[in-house]
Protein backbone atom coordinates (compact mmCIF):
# COMPACT_ATOMS: atom_id res chain seq x y z
CA UNK A 1 -15.99 3.33 65.54
CA UNK A 2 -15.36 -0.22 64.33
CA UNK A 3 -15.89 -3.06 66.73
CA UNK A 4 -13.74 -6.17 66.78
CA UNK A 5 -16.51 -8.20 65.14
CA UNK A 6 -16.49 -5.96 62.04
CA UNK A 7 -12.73 -6.09 61.47
CA UNK A 8 -11.80 -8.55 58.76
CA UNK A 9 -8.69 -10.54 59.62
CA UNK A 10 -6.24 -11.57 56.94
CA UNK A 11 -5.67 -15.27 56.35
CA UNK A 12 -2.10 -16.14 57.50
CA UNK A 13 -2.14 -19.21 55.23
CA UNK A 14 -1.26 -17.00 52.25
CA UNK A 15 2.17 -16.32 53.75
CA UNK A 16 2.64 -19.89 54.93
CA UNK A 17 1.70 -21.39 51.57
CA UNK A 18 3.74 -18.78 49.73
CA UNK A 19 6.85 -19.49 51.80
CA UNK A 20 6.44 -23.25 51.61
CA UNK A 21 5.87 -23.18 47.85
CA UNK A 22 8.69 -20.77 47.02
CA UNK A 23 11.32 -22.50 49.14
CA UNK A 24 10.29 -25.94 47.95
CA UNK A 25 10.44 -24.75 44.34
CA UNK A 26 13.90 -23.20 44.80
CA UNK A 27 15.29 -26.40 46.36
CA UNK A 28 13.99 -28.46 43.45
CA UNK A 29 15.54 -26.06 40.92
CA UNK A 30 18.77 -26.61 42.86
CA UNK A 31 18.27 -30.39 42.89
CA UNK A 32 17.89 -30.28 39.10
CA UNK A 33 21.25 -28.47 38.89
CA UNK A 34 20.09 -25.04 37.69
CA UNK A 35 21.12 -22.96 40.73
CA UNK A 36 23.51 -23.19 43.64
CA UNK A 37 22.47 -23.69 47.24
CA UNK A 38 22.81 -20.02 48.29
CA UNK A 39 19.30 -18.82 47.34
CA UNK A 40 17.77 -21.95 48.90
CA UNK A 41 19.58 -21.39 52.21
CA UNK A 42 18.57 -17.71 52.26
CA UNK A 43 14.90 -18.42 51.60
CA UNK A 44 15.02 -21.48 53.87
CA UNK A 45 15.80 -19.18 56.78
CA UNK A 46 13.68 -16.19 55.79
CA UNK A 47 10.55 -17.15 53.83
CA UNK A 48 10.31 -20.92 54.20
CA UNK A 49 11.47 -20.72 57.81
CA UNK A 50 10.75 -17.51 59.69
CA UNK A 51 7.77 -16.23 57.67
CA UNK A 52 6.16 -19.66 57.60
CA UNK A 53 6.57 -20.03 61.37
CA UNK A 54 4.99 -16.61 61.92
CA UNK A 55 2.09 -17.71 59.70
CA UNK A 56 1.75 -20.83 61.84
CA UNK A 57 1.64 -18.83 65.05
CA UNK A 58 -1.06 -16.62 63.53
CA UNK A 59 -3.00 -19.73 62.48
CA UNK A 60 -2.97 -20.76 66.14
CA UNK A 61 -4.58 -17.42 67.05
CA UNK A 62 -7.23 -18.13 64.39
CA UNK A 63 -7.96 -21.51 66.03
CA UNK A 64 -6.66 -23.55 63.09
CA UNK A 65 -4.75 -26.54 64.49
CA UNK A 66 -3.87 -27.87 61.04
CA UNK A 67 -2.40 -24.58 59.84
CA UNK A 68 -0.64 -24.07 63.17
CA UNK A 69 0.95 -27.53 63.04
CA UNK A 70 1.80 -27.48 59.33
CA UNK A 71 3.27 -24.00 59.02
CA UNK A 72 5.28 -24.01 62.26
CA UNK A 73 6.52 -27.54 61.54
CA UNK A 74 7.63 -26.87 57.97
CA UNK A 75 9.05 -23.50 59.05
CA UNK A 76 11.18 -25.47 61.53
CA UNK A 77 12.01 -27.98 58.76
CA UNK A 78 13.48 -25.23 56.57
CA UNK A 79 15.39 -23.58 59.40
CA UNK A 80 16.72 -26.98 60.49
CA UNK A 81 17.79 -27.87 56.97
CA UNK A 82 19.46 -24.47 56.64
CA UNK A 83 21.37 -25.11 59.88
CA UNK A 84 22.52 -28.50 58.55
CA UNK A 85 23.80 -26.87 55.35
CA UNK A 86 25.55 -24.05 57.25
CA UNK A 87 27.15 -26.50 59.68
CA UNK A 88 28.38 -28.61 56.76
CA UNK A 89 29.70 -25.57 54.90
CA UNK A 90 31.73 -24.34 57.88
CA UNK A 91 32.74 -27.85 59.03
CA UNK A 92 31.10 -27.27 62.40
CA UNK A 93 29.26 -30.57 62.42
CA UNK A 94 29.14 -32.48 59.16
CA UNK A 95 25.98 -34.39 58.32
CA UNK A 96 26.35 -37.26 55.88
CA UNK A 97 23.82 -38.15 53.22
CA UNK A 98 22.55 -40.87 55.56
CA UNK A 99 22.22 -38.33 58.39
CA UNK A 100 20.10 -36.15 56.13
CA UNK A 101 18.20 -39.26 55.05
CA UNK A 102 17.16 -39.93 58.65
CA UNK A 103 16.23 -36.26 59.03
CA UNK A 104 13.97 -36.67 55.98
CA UNK A 105 12.48 -39.95 57.24
CA UNK A 106 11.24 -38.40 60.49
CA UNK A 107 9.79 -35.51 58.48
CA UNK A 108 8.10 -38.05 56.22
CA UNK A 109 6.45 -39.60 59.27
CA UNK A 110 5.21 -36.23 60.50
CA UNK A 111 3.99 -35.43 56.99
CA UNK A 112 1.98 -38.66 56.94
CA UNK A 113 0.02 -37.45 59.98
CA UNK A 114 -0.68 -34.12 58.31
CA UNK A 115 -1.52 -35.92 55.05
CA UNK A 116 -4.31 -37.87 56.78
CA UNK A 117 -5.70 -34.61 58.20
CA UNK A 118 -5.46 -32.93 54.77
CA UNK A 119 -7.86 -35.48 53.31
CA UNK A 120 -10.66 -33.89 55.38
CA UNK A 121 -9.96 -30.27 54.31
CA UNK A 122 -10.39 -29.91 50.54
CA UNK A 123 -9.14 -31.44 47.31
CA UNK A 124 -6.31 -28.95 46.74
CA UNK A 125 -4.91 -29.56 50.22
CA UNK A 126 -5.23 -33.34 49.90
CA UNK A 127 -3.54 -33.26 46.48
CA UNK A 128 -0.66 -31.08 47.71
CA UNK A 129 -0.01 -33.26 50.76
CA UNK A 130 -0.28 -36.47 48.73
CA UNK A 131 2.38 -35.19 46.35
CA UNK A 132 4.47 -33.99 49.32
CA UNK A 133 4.41 -37.48 50.87
CA UNK A 134 5.50 -39.02 47.55
CA UNK A 135 8.29 -36.45 47.23
CA UNK A 136 9.54 -37.13 50.75
CA UNK A 137 9.55 -40.90 50.15
CA UNK A 138 11.56 -40.42 46.95
CA UNK A 139 14.06 -38.21 48.81
CA UNK A 140 14.28 -40.79 51.61
CA UNK A 141 15.15 -43.48 49.08
CA UNK A 142 17.60 -41.15 47.32
CA UNK A 143 19.56 -40.76 50.56
CA UNK A 144 19.65 -44.51 51.18
CA UNK A 145 21.20 -45.88 48.02
CA UNK A 146 19.10 -44.58 45.13
CA UNK A 147 20.51 -41.09 44.37
CA UNK A 148 18.96 -41.08 40.89
CA UNK A 149 15.57 -40.63 42.58
CA UNK A 150 16.55 -37.08 43.57
CA UNK A 151 15.60 -35.91 40.07
CA UNK A 152 12.24 -37.69 40.24
CA UNK A 153 11.66 -36.19 43.68
CA UNK A 154 12.47 -32.75 42.28
CA UNK A 155 9.77 -33.02 39.60
CA UNK A 156 7.23 -34.36 42.10
CA UNK A 157 8.02 -31.60 44.60
CA UNK A 158 7.76 -28.91 41.92
CA UNK A 159 4.16 -30.07 41.50
CA UNK A 160 3.79 -29.90 45.29
CA UNK A 161 5.13 -26.32 45.37
CA UNK A 162 2.75 -25.30 42.60
CA UNK A 163 -0.12 -26.92 44.53
CA UNK A 164 0.74 -24.76 47.55
CA UNK A 165 0.84 -21.67 45.34
CA UNK A 166 -2.50 -22.62 43.80
CA UNK A 167 -4.06 -22.62 47.26
CA UNK A 168 -2.32 -19.33 48.10
CA UNK A 169 -3.56 -17.85 44.82
CA UNK A 170 -7.05 -19.13 45.52
CA UNK A 171 -7.20 -17.48 48.92
CA UNK A 172 -5.92 -14.15 47.58
CA UNK A 173 -7.72 -14.03 44.22
CA UNK A 174 -11.04 -15.39 45.53
CA UNK A 175 -10.95 -12.83 48.33
CA UNK A 176 -10.30 -9.77 46.16
CA UNK A 177 -12.69 -10.98 43.44
CA UNK A 178 -15.30 -11.75 46.10
CA UNK A 179 -16.15 -14.98 44.28
CA UNK A 180 -14.54 -18.43 44.00
CA UNK A 181 -12.52 -18.17 40.78
CA UNK A 182 -9.99 -20.80 41.86
CA UNK A 183 -11.83 -23.82 43.26
CA UNK A 184 -10.32 -25.91 46.04
CA UNK A 185 -12.44 -29.00 45.41
CA UNK A 186 -14.26 -31.25 47.81
CA UNK A 187 -12.55 -33.00 50.69
CA UNK A 188 -11.41 -36.51 49.78
CA UNK A 189 -12.84 -37.85 53.05
CA UNK A 190 -16.01 -36.71 54.81
CA UNK A 191 -15.87 -35.39 58.34
CA UNK A 192 -17.77 -37.26 61.01
């Protein structure tokens, strides 16, 4: 009979990073004009939203405050953004570009807090959050008078999405290979 101490638990970050990366990538493909909003809304509710929130709740059970905060927060971000789009589509409550800009600004502020924490984790996390902060700032500016920055934000956030997938791939591949094939790099700041 197996005891609880011998049961290996899966890392919920693989789902959280997968959902964050996929939904972010889809939105940027939309922002570049290659697809409509439909697939982004669908994945915003399902993978970027619900699945990422579940991953966050599981991170809480693992004792990981960073994963808990990041995945539940960005899960809520995607669900909230999906609600904004649905409300606009059905003329329930229309949000202007400026309204969405303020929505993005408060998410930028929250992301700055998580960015600081990411600097103590490992290089891949610090890189991904640094690029995410830059992407959010570009989107903020795009909604407040510089719409041409949306394209720049899209390219930056594609890099962010791929950074999230790199970490997801590292967790999965390194685990099944039982050796660190994909390196995460050293933390940019030392703990203590």
